[in-house]
Protein backbone atom coordinates (compact mmCIF):
# COMPACT_ATOMS: atom_id res chain seq x y z
CA UNK A 1 53.53 -13.91 -8.33
CA UNK A 2 54.50 -11.21 -10.82
CA UNK A 3 51.22 -9.43 -11.87
CA UNK A 4 52.39 -9.28 -15.48
CA UNK A 5 52.92 -13.05 -15.64
CA UNK A 6 49.56 -13.64 -13.93
CA UNK A 7 47.81 -11.50 -16.55
CA UNK A 8 49.52 -13.50 -19.34
CA UNK A 9 48.25 -16.78 -17.92
CA UNK A 10 44.68 -15.45 -17.50
CA UNK A 11 44.65 -14.23 -21.12
CA UNK A 12 45.85 -17.62 -22.29
CA UNK A 13 42.99 -19.35 -20.47
CA UNK A 14 40.35 -16.96 -21.83
CA UNK A 15 41.56 -17.39 -25.40
CA UNK A 16 42.08 -21.16 -25.30
CA UNK A 17 39.03 -21.86 -27.46
CA UNK A 18 40.59 -19.88 -30.27
CA UNK A 19 43.84 -21.85 -30.58
CA UNK A 20 44.80 -25.25 -31.90
CA UNK A 21 45.72 -28.41 -30.03
CA UNK A 22 49.38 -27.81 -30.85
CA UNK A 23 49.21 -24.43 -29.17
CA UNK A 24 47.56 -26.06 -26.19
CA UNK A 25 50.51 -28.43 -25.86
CA UNK A 26 52.89 -25.47 -25.87
CA UNK A 27 50.81 -23.82 -23.15
CA UNK A 28 50.99 -27.01 -21.12
CA UNK A 29 54.75 -27.05 -21.48
CA UNK A 30 54.89 -23.41 -20.39
CA UNK A 31 52.70 -24.01 -17.36
CA UNK A 32 54.79 -27.03 -16.37
CA UNK A 33 57.81 -24.73 -16.28
CA UNK A 34 55.89 -22.17 -14.25
CA UNK A 35 54.27 -24.59 -11.77
CA UNK A 36 56.89 -24.15 -9.02
CA UNK A 37 56.27 -20.38 -9.06
CA UNK A 38 52.42 -20.53 -9.01
CA UNK A 39 49.98 -20.77 -6.16
CA UNK A 40 48.19 -24.18 -5.99
CA UNK A 41 44.76 -22.61 -6.61
CA UNK A 42 45.89 -20.95 -9.84
CA UNK A 43 47.51 -24.17 -11.04
CA UNK A 44 44.21 -26.00 -10.53
CA UNK A 45 42.21 -23.39 -12.43
CA UNK A 46 44.59 -23.38 -15.37
CA UNK A 47 44.79 -27.18 -15.56
CA UNK A 48 40.99 -27.50 -15.46
CA UNK A 49 40.57 -24.91 -18.22
CA UNK A 50 43.04 -26.69 -20.45
CA UNK A 51 41.30 -30.02 -19.83
CA UNK A 52 37.95 -28.55 -20.87
CA UNK A 53 39.48 -27.09 -24.01
CA UNK A 54 41.12 -30.35 -25.08
CA UNK A 55 37.93 -32.33 -24.36
CA UNK A 56 35.80 -29.89 -26.36
CA UNK A 57 38.20 -29.94 -29.30
CA UNK A 58 38.21 -33.71 -29.46
CA UNK A 59 34.51 -34.37 -28.78
CA UNK A 60 32.80 -33.28 -32.02
CA UNK A 61 30.50 -36.14 -32.98
CA UNK A 62 30.18 -35.34 -36.68
CA UNK A 63 32.31 -37.57 -38.86
CA UNK A 64 34.53 -35.37 -41.09
CA UNK A 65 33.68 -37.40 -44.21
CA UNK A 66 29.96 -37.02 -43.53
CA UNK A 67 30.32 -33.29 -42.92
CA UNK A 68 32.26 -32.82 -46.15
CA UNK A 69 29.60 -34.69 -48.14
CA UNK A 70 26.77 -32.72 -46.54
CA UNK A 71 28.40 -29.37 -47.23
CA UNK A 72 28.79 -30.34 -50.89
CA UNK A 73 25.11 -31.28 -50.97
CA UNK A 74 24.25 -27.86 -49.54
CA UNK A 75 26.43 -26.15 -52.14
CA UNK A 76 24.81 -28.07 -55.02
CA UNK A 77 21.41 -26.93 -53.75
CA UNK A 78 22.53 -23.30 -53.96
CA UNK A 79 23.31 -22.81 -50.25
CA UNK A 80 19.63 -22.31 -49.37
CA UNK A 81 18.59 -20.42 -46.25
CA UNK A 82 16.66 -23.52 -45.18
CA UNK A 83 20.04 -25.10 -44.41
CA UNK A 84 21.50 -22.10 -42.60
CA UNK A 85 22.38 -24.28 -39.60
CA UNK A 86 24.68 -26.35 -41.81
CA UNK A 87 27.75 -24.42 -40.72
CA UNK A 88 31.19 -25.99 -41.29
CA UNK A 89 32.30 -24.61 -37.92
CA UNK A 90 29.64 -26.52 -35.97
CA UNK A 91 28.88 -30.15 -35.20
CA UNK A 92 26.52 -31.64 -37.79
CA UNK A 93 25.21 -34.24 -35.34
CA UNK A 94 24.38 -31.85 -32.51
CA UNK A 95 24.07 -28.33 -33.90
CA UNK A 96 22.61 -28.68 -37.39
CA UNK A 97 18.82 -28.67 -37.61
CA UNK A 98 17.67 -32.07 -36.39
CA UNK A 99 14.70 -31.87 -38.76
CA UNK A 100 17.18 -32.38 -41.60
CA UNK A 101 19.46 -35.13 -40.32
CA UNK A 102 20.24 -37.46 -37.45
CA UNK A 103 23.29 -39.43 -36.35
CA UNK A 104 23.64 -42.84 -34.76
CA UNK A 105 24.48 -42.57 -31.05
CA UNK A 106 27.06 -45.34 -31.25
CA UNK A 107 28.86 -44.70 -34.54
CA UNK A 108 28.21 -40.93 -34.74
CA UNK A 109 27.59 -41.39 -38.47
CA UNK A 110 24.73 -39.73 -40.34
CA UNK A 111 21.95 -42.30 -40.74
CA UNK A 112 19.02 -40.10 -41.79
CA UNK A 113 18.78 -37.17 -44.21
CA UNK A 114 15.54 -35.25 -44.87
CA UNK A 115 15.39 -32.36 -47.33
CA UNK A 116 11.81 -31.08 -47.43
CA UNK A 117 10.29 -27.92 -48.94
CA UNK A 118 13.65 -26.37 -49.83
CA UNK A 119 12.83 -23.84 -52.52
CA UNK A 120 16.23 -22.70 -53.82
CA UNK A 121 17.08 -26.16 -55.10
CA UNK A 122 19.68 -26.96 -57.75
CA UNK A 123 20.67 -30.61 -58.14
CA UNK A 124 21.59 -33.57 -55.97
CA UNK A 125 25.34 -33.71 -55.42
CA UNK A 126 27.03 -37.05 -56.17
CA UNK A 127 28.62 -36.78 -52.72
CA UNK A 128 25.34 -38.04 -51.30
CA UNK A 129 26.80 -41.47 -52.00
CA UNK A 130 29.57 -40.77 -49.47
CA UNK A 131 27.10 -40.91 -46.57
CA UNK A 132 27.89 -44.59 -46.28
CA UNK A 133 25.86 -45.21 -43.11
CA UNK A 134 22.67 -43.63 -44.48
CA UNK A 135 19.52 -45.67 -43.86
CA UNK A 136 16.79 -43.09 -44.47
CA UNK A 137 16.75 -40.59 -47.38
CA UNK A 138 13.74 -38.31 -47.81
CA UNK A 139 13.65 -35.58 -50.48
CA UNK A 140 10.14 -34.14 -50.72
CA UNK A 141 8.43 -31.07 -52.21
CA UNK A 142 11.60 -29.61 -53.70
CA UNK A 143 9.89 -28.50 -56.88
CA UNK A 144 12.99 -26.85 -58.38
CA UNK A 145 15.30 -29.81 -57.82
CA UNK A 146 16.42 -31.04 -61.26
CA UNK A 147 18.80 -33.47 -62.88
CA UNK A 148 18.93 -37.27 -62.61
CA UNK A 149 19.03 -39.47 -59.54
CA UNK A 150 22.78 -39.66 -58.75
CA UNK A 151 24.38 -43.00 -59.61
CA UNK A 152 26.42 -42.73 -56.43
CA UNK A 153 23.32 -43.59 -54.40
CA UNK A 154 24.20 -47.16 -55.39
CA UNK A 155 26.90 -47.01 -52.69
CA UNK A 156 24.32 -46.57 -49.92
CA UNK A 157 24.00 -50.28 -49.20
CA UNK A 158 22.43 -49.65 -45.76
CA UNK A 159 19.56 -47.65 -47.25
CA UNK A 160 16.13 -48.99 -46.23
CA UNK A 161 13.90 -45.97 -46.92
CA UNK A 162 14.14 -43.95 -50.15
CA UNK A 163 11.70 -41.17 -50.97
CA UNK A 164 12.28 -38.64 -53.75
CA UNK A 165 8.89 -37.16 -54.56
CA UNK A 166 7.35 -33.92 -55.87
CA UNK A 167 10.55 -32.71 -57.51
CA UNK A 168 11.69 -31.97 -61.06
CA UNK A 169 14.06 -34.95 -61.05
CA UNK A 170 14.24 -36.57 -64.49
CA UNK A 171 15.86 -39.47 -66.30
CA UNK A 172 15.27 -43.21 -65.90
CA UNK A 173 14.71 -45.21 -62.74
CA UNK A 174 18.23 -46.40 -61.89
CA UNK A 175 18.93 -50.10 -62.41
CA UNK A 176 20.99 -50.18 -59.22
CA UNK A 177 17.91 -49.83 -57.00
CA UNK A 178 17.23 -53.51 -57.53
CA UNK A 179 20.77 -54.80 -57.94
CA UNK A 180 22.73 -52.90 -55.28
CA UNK A 181 20.35 -51.72 -52.56
CA UNK A 182 19.03 -54.98 -51.18
CA UNK A 183 18.07 -53.44 -47.83
CA UNK A 184 15.31 -51.28 -49.33
CA UNK A 185 11.87 -51.79 -47.83
CA UNK A 186 10.26 -48.50 -48.96
CA UNK A 187 10.66 -46.74 -52.33
CA UNK A 188 8.70 -43.63 -53.29
CA UNK A 189 9.72 -41.97 -56.56
CA UNK A 190 6.28 -40.55 -57.32
CA UNK A 191 5.38 -37.21 -58.88
CA UNK A 192 8.63 -36.50 -60.71
CA UNK A 193 9.61 -36.44 -64.39
CA UNK A 194 11.07 -39.94 -64.60
CA UNK A 195 11.00 -41.60 -68.01
CA UNK A 196 11.78 -44.98 -69.53
CA UNK A 197 10.60 -48.42 -68.49
CA UNK A 198 10.21 -50.10 -65.12
CA UNK A 199 13.26 -52.27 -64.59
CA UNK A 200 12.58 -55.94 -63.77
CA UNK A 201 15.55 -55.68 -61.39
CA UNK A 202 13.21 -54.16 -58.80
CA UNK A 203 11.73 -57.63 -58.37
CA UNK A 204 15.01 -58.64 -56.67
CA UNK A 205 14.14 -56.53 -53.61
CA UNK A 206 12.84 -59.33 -51.42
CA UNK A 207 12.22 -57.01 -48.44
CA UNK A 208 10.25 -54.38 -50.36
CA UNK A 209 6.82 -53.65 -48.87
CA UNK A 210 6.05 -50.25 -50.43
CA UNK A 211 6.65 -49.06 -54.00
CA UNK A 212 5.42 -45.80 -55.55
CA UNK A 213 6.31 -44.91 -59.11
CA UNK A 214 3.08 -43.08 -59.95
CA UNK A 215 2.76 -39.64 -61.56
CA UNK A 216 5.78 -39.89 -63.84
CA UNK A 217 6.20 -40.47 -67.57
CA UNK A 218 7.05 -44.16 -67.49
CA UNK A 219 6.37 -46.31 -70.54
CA UNK A 220 6.45 -50.00 -71.44
CA UNK A 221 4.86 -52.85 -69.54
CA UNK A 222 4.63 -53.95 -65.93
CA UNK A 223 7.35 -56.61 -65.49
CA UNK A 224 6.01 -60.15 -65.13
CA UNK A 225 8.75 -60.73 -62.57
CA UNK A 226 6.99 -58.35 -60.16
CA UNK A 227 5.06 -61.40 -59.01
CA UNK A 228 8.18 -62.35 -57.04
CA UNK A 229 7.50 -59.40 -54.74
CA UNK A 230 4.38 -61.09 -53.36
CA UNK A 231 3.31 -61.34 -50.62
CA UNK A 232 5.80 -58.90 -49.05
CA UNK A 233 4.87 -55.93 -51.27
CA UNK A 234 1.57 -54.54 -49.96
CA UNK A 235 1.48 -51.08 -51.53
CA UNK A 236 2.02 -50.69 -55.29
CA UNK A 237 1.34 -47.38 -57.04
CA UNK A 238 1.93 -47.24 -60.80
CA UNK A 239 -0.87 -44.85 -61.75
CA UNK A 240 -0.70 -41.76 -63.98
CA UNK A 241 2.06 -42.97 -66.27
CA UNK A 242 2.01 -44.20 -69.86
CA UNK A 243 2.22 -47.92 -69.18
CA UNK A 244 0.74 -50.29 -71.74
CA UNK A 245 0.07 -53.99 -72.25
CA UNK A 246 -1.65 -56.33 -69.82
CA UNK A 247 -1.41 -56.70 -66.06
CA UNK A 248 0.92 -59.65 -65.36
CA UNK A 249 -0.78 -62.93 -64.51
CA UNK A 250 1.79 -63.26 -61.73
CA UNK A 251 -0.48 -60.86 -59.80
CA UNK A 252 -3.10 -63.62 -59.46
CA UNK A 253 -4.02 -64.24 -55.82
CA UNK A 254 -1.89 -61.33 -54.61
CA UNK A 255 -3.50 -59.34 -51.78
CA UNK A 256 -2.60 -55.64 -51.64
CA UNK A 257 -3.33 -52.98 -49.12
CA UNK A 258 -3.41 -50.65 -52.12
CA UNK A 259 -2.98 -51.31 -55.84
CA UNK A 260 -3.07 -48.25 -58.10
CA UNK A 261 -2.85 -48.81 -61.87
CA UNK A 262 -5.07 -45.87 -62.84
CA UNK A 263 -4.61 -43.51 -65.80
CA UNK A 264 -2.40 -45.67 -68.01
CA UNK A 265 -2.97 -47.51 -71.28
CA UNK A 266 -3.33 -50.97 -69.78
CA UNK A 267 -5.77 -53.43 -71.30
CA UNK A 268 -7.26 -56.90 -71.05
CA UNK A 269 -9.13 -58.94 -68.46
CA UNK A 270 -8.13 -58.18 -64.86
CA UNK A 271 -10.81 -60.23 -63.13
CA UNK A 272 -7.99 -62.35 -61.64
CA UNK A 273 -7.23 -59.43 -59.31
CA UNK A 274 -10.51 -60.15 -57.51
CA UNK A 275 -11.76 -63.11 -55.52
CA UNK A 276 -13.44 -64.11 -52.26
CA UNK A 277 -10.07 -65.03 -50.74
CA UNK A 278 -8.46 -61.69 -51.60
CA UNK A 279 -7.45 -59.40 -48.76
CA UNK A 280 -6.94 -56.37 -50.99
CA UNK A 281 -8.19 -53.16 -49.39
CA UNK A 282 -8.08 -50.56 -52.20
CA UNK A 283 -8.13 -50.99 -56.01
CA UNK A 284 -7.67 -47.98 -58.28
CA UNK A 285 -8.00 -49.20 -61.88
CA UNK A 286 -9.71 -46.29 -63.64
CA UNK A 287 -8.84 -44.70 -66.99
CA UNK A 288 -7.43 -47.71 -68.81
CA UNK A 289 -8.77 -50.12 -71.43
CA UNK A 290 -9.72 -53.02 -69.18
CA UNK A 291 -12.49 -55.26 -70.50
CA UNK A 292 -14.27 -58.00 -68.52
CA UNK A 293 -17.69 -59.09 -67.22
CA UNK A 294 -18.39 -57.13 -64.04
CA UNK A 295 -21.26 -59.41 -63.01
CA UNK A 296 -18.91 -62.38 -62.50
CA UNK A 297 -16.65 -60.68 -59.97
CA UNK A 298 -16.41 -61.85 -56.37
CA UNK A 299 -14.96 -59.65 -53.67
CA UNK A 300 -12.89 -60.29 -50.57
CA UNK A 301 -14.16 -59.08 -47.22
CA UNK A 302 -11.62 -56.25 -46.88
CA UNK A 303 -12.19 -54.47 -50.21
CA UNK A 304 -13.72 -51.04 -49.51
CA UNK A 305 -12.37 -48.89 -52.36
CA UNK A 306 -13.02 -49.73 -56.01
CA UNK A 307 -12.55 -47.34 -58.91
CA UNK A 308 -13.16 -48.79 -62.38
CA UNK A 309 -14.41 -45.71 -64.22
CA UNK A 310 -13.35 -44.98 -67.81
CA UNK A 311 -12.79 -48.57 -68.97
CA UNK A 312 -14.65 -51.05 -71.17
CA UNK A 313 -16.20 -53.31 -68.54
CA UNK A 314 -19.64 -54.76 -69.23
CA UNK A 315 -22.40 -56.78 -67.56
CA UNK A 316 -24.51 -56.12 -64.48
CA UNK A 317 -23.76 -55.62 -60.79
CA UNK A 318 -22.66 -58.76 -58.91
CA UNK A 319 -25.05 -60.24 -56.35
CA UNK A 320 -24.82 -58.77 -52.85
CA UNK A 321 -23.02 -55.65 -54.05
CA UNK A 322 -25.07 -53.23 -51.92
CA UNK A 323 -24.31 -55.07 -48.68
CA UNK A 324 -20.61 -54.26 -48.82
CA UNK A 325 -19.16 -51.36 -46.72
CA UNK A 326 -17.97 -49.33 -49.72
CA UNK A 327 -16.00 -46.16 -48.92
CA UNK A 328 -15.03 -45.32 -52.52
CA UNK A 329 -16.75 -46.55 -55.65
CA UNK A 330 -16.98 -45.47 -59.30
CA UNK A 331 -17.95 -47.40 -62.44
CA UNK A 332 -18.87 -44.44 -64.67
CA UNK A 333 -17.91 -44.36 -68.36
CA UNK A 334 -18.19 -48.10 -69.05
CA UNK A 335 -20.64 -50.45 -70.79
CA UNK A 336 -22.61 -51.66 -67.78
CA UNK A 337 -26.31 -52.41 -67.98
CA UNK A 338 -29.00 -53.19 -65.41
CA UNK A 339 -30.46 -51.96 -62.15
CA UNK A 340 -28.24 -50.08 -59.69
CA UNK A 341 -28.28 -51.84 -56.28
CA UNK A 342 -30.13 -49.95 -53.56
CA UNK A 343 -29.73 -49.69 -49.80
CA UNK A 344 -26.79 -50.12 -47.51
CA UNK A 345 -23.74 -48.06 -48.28
CA UNK A 346 -24.87 -47.31 -51.86
CA UNK A 347 -26.61 -44.18 -50.60
CA UNK A 348 -23.16 -42.55 -50.33
CA UNK A 349 -22.68 -42.36 -54.09
CA UNK A 350 -24.25 -39.86 -56.46
CA UNK A 351 -24.94 -40.08 -60.18
CA UNK A 352 -21.31 -39.35 -61.07
CA UNK A 353 -20.35 -42.82 -59.89
CA UNK A 354 -22.60 -44.35 -62.59
CA UNK A 355 -23.07 -41.97 -65.53
CA UNK A 356 -22.16 -42.75 -69.14
CA UNK A 357 -22.84 -46.48 -69.13
CA UNK A 358 -24.80 -48.51 -71.65
CA UNK A 359 -28.08 -48.86 -69.77
CA UNK A 360 -27.75 -48.51 -66.01
CA UNK A 361 -30.90 -47.31 -64.30
CA UNK A 362 -32.53 -46.57 -60.94
CA UNK A 363 -31.47 -44.11 -58.26
CA UNK A 364 -29.43 -41.92 -58.52
CA UNK A 365 -29.96 -42.31 -62.30
CA UNK A 366 -33.40 -42.20 -63.95
CA UNK A 367 -35.82 -45.02 -63.05
CA UNK A 368 -35.67 -48.28 -64.96
CA UNK A 369 -38.24 -48.75 -67.69
CA UNK A 370 -40.80 -51.40 -66.87
């Protein structure tokens, strides 16, 4: 074969990754014309190279719509170095940092997106709603991330896990969380700058087992309709807001793994949260205006954490209190009176669990007067 023509063919093979599919077709047509003049071994090499090129060009897993949405998200965040692997020239499913996203093996669509500790944060792009197969969205410790929660998230009807926490996100809790995203089982919007009231629409999430709205600036009351979330909802965190009013009676008989209502402006009698049949594990009720007779409470077997400090509770300690396996306990800054139970697990707690009551006495406080 003519050495000049052989060199041309070898150059074409070496550069095949740089050309388009259309160019590949032209090369194929050219080689078909040249086949009668080539040695069989060279024909095999060239054909194999072209096959590899075509396969590589057509095998990118990343869906183009998903890639476009993700690149817009990166741009809205200020193109941070943390997302340096998000290169438009590479496959988002296989070559972008797998700590940030994952794709379904069957559909090749992005199903999980995690943006954690990204410092150069701007805002959340509305194109996040174009990731239509997304099931898991985690945005955590992005302290400079600002703006509202995008309304386009309402389009993510497959979303089961939503966490946006420790950011500077502001605005109200979107109504669509309860009306559009019926697949949600886990919501964590804690430690942001969210304002407004808690929408009763959240009570429509029949699969919800975990809800955190604590450490925001939420006002208003706890919706009575939240009782509909029992018994599925096991973790409810509403602490460190500005909630007021009474705890809904619909919470009666509801067993929580954790219930946190601390540091609000809630008031009234909450003794209905307790009971021998309750399976609640942790109760954080401190820094409110709750008022009830502590001595009349009965506790379920699983309760090991109880914080009631900074309220208006009164009375004495219930019978058998010291025999319980308490891990956390605080009743300071109330109106309790009587002898502090001794023995058992009570030895774990110092004076700061009891101080500033009406007339509590005995260790670790001063002895009772005879």
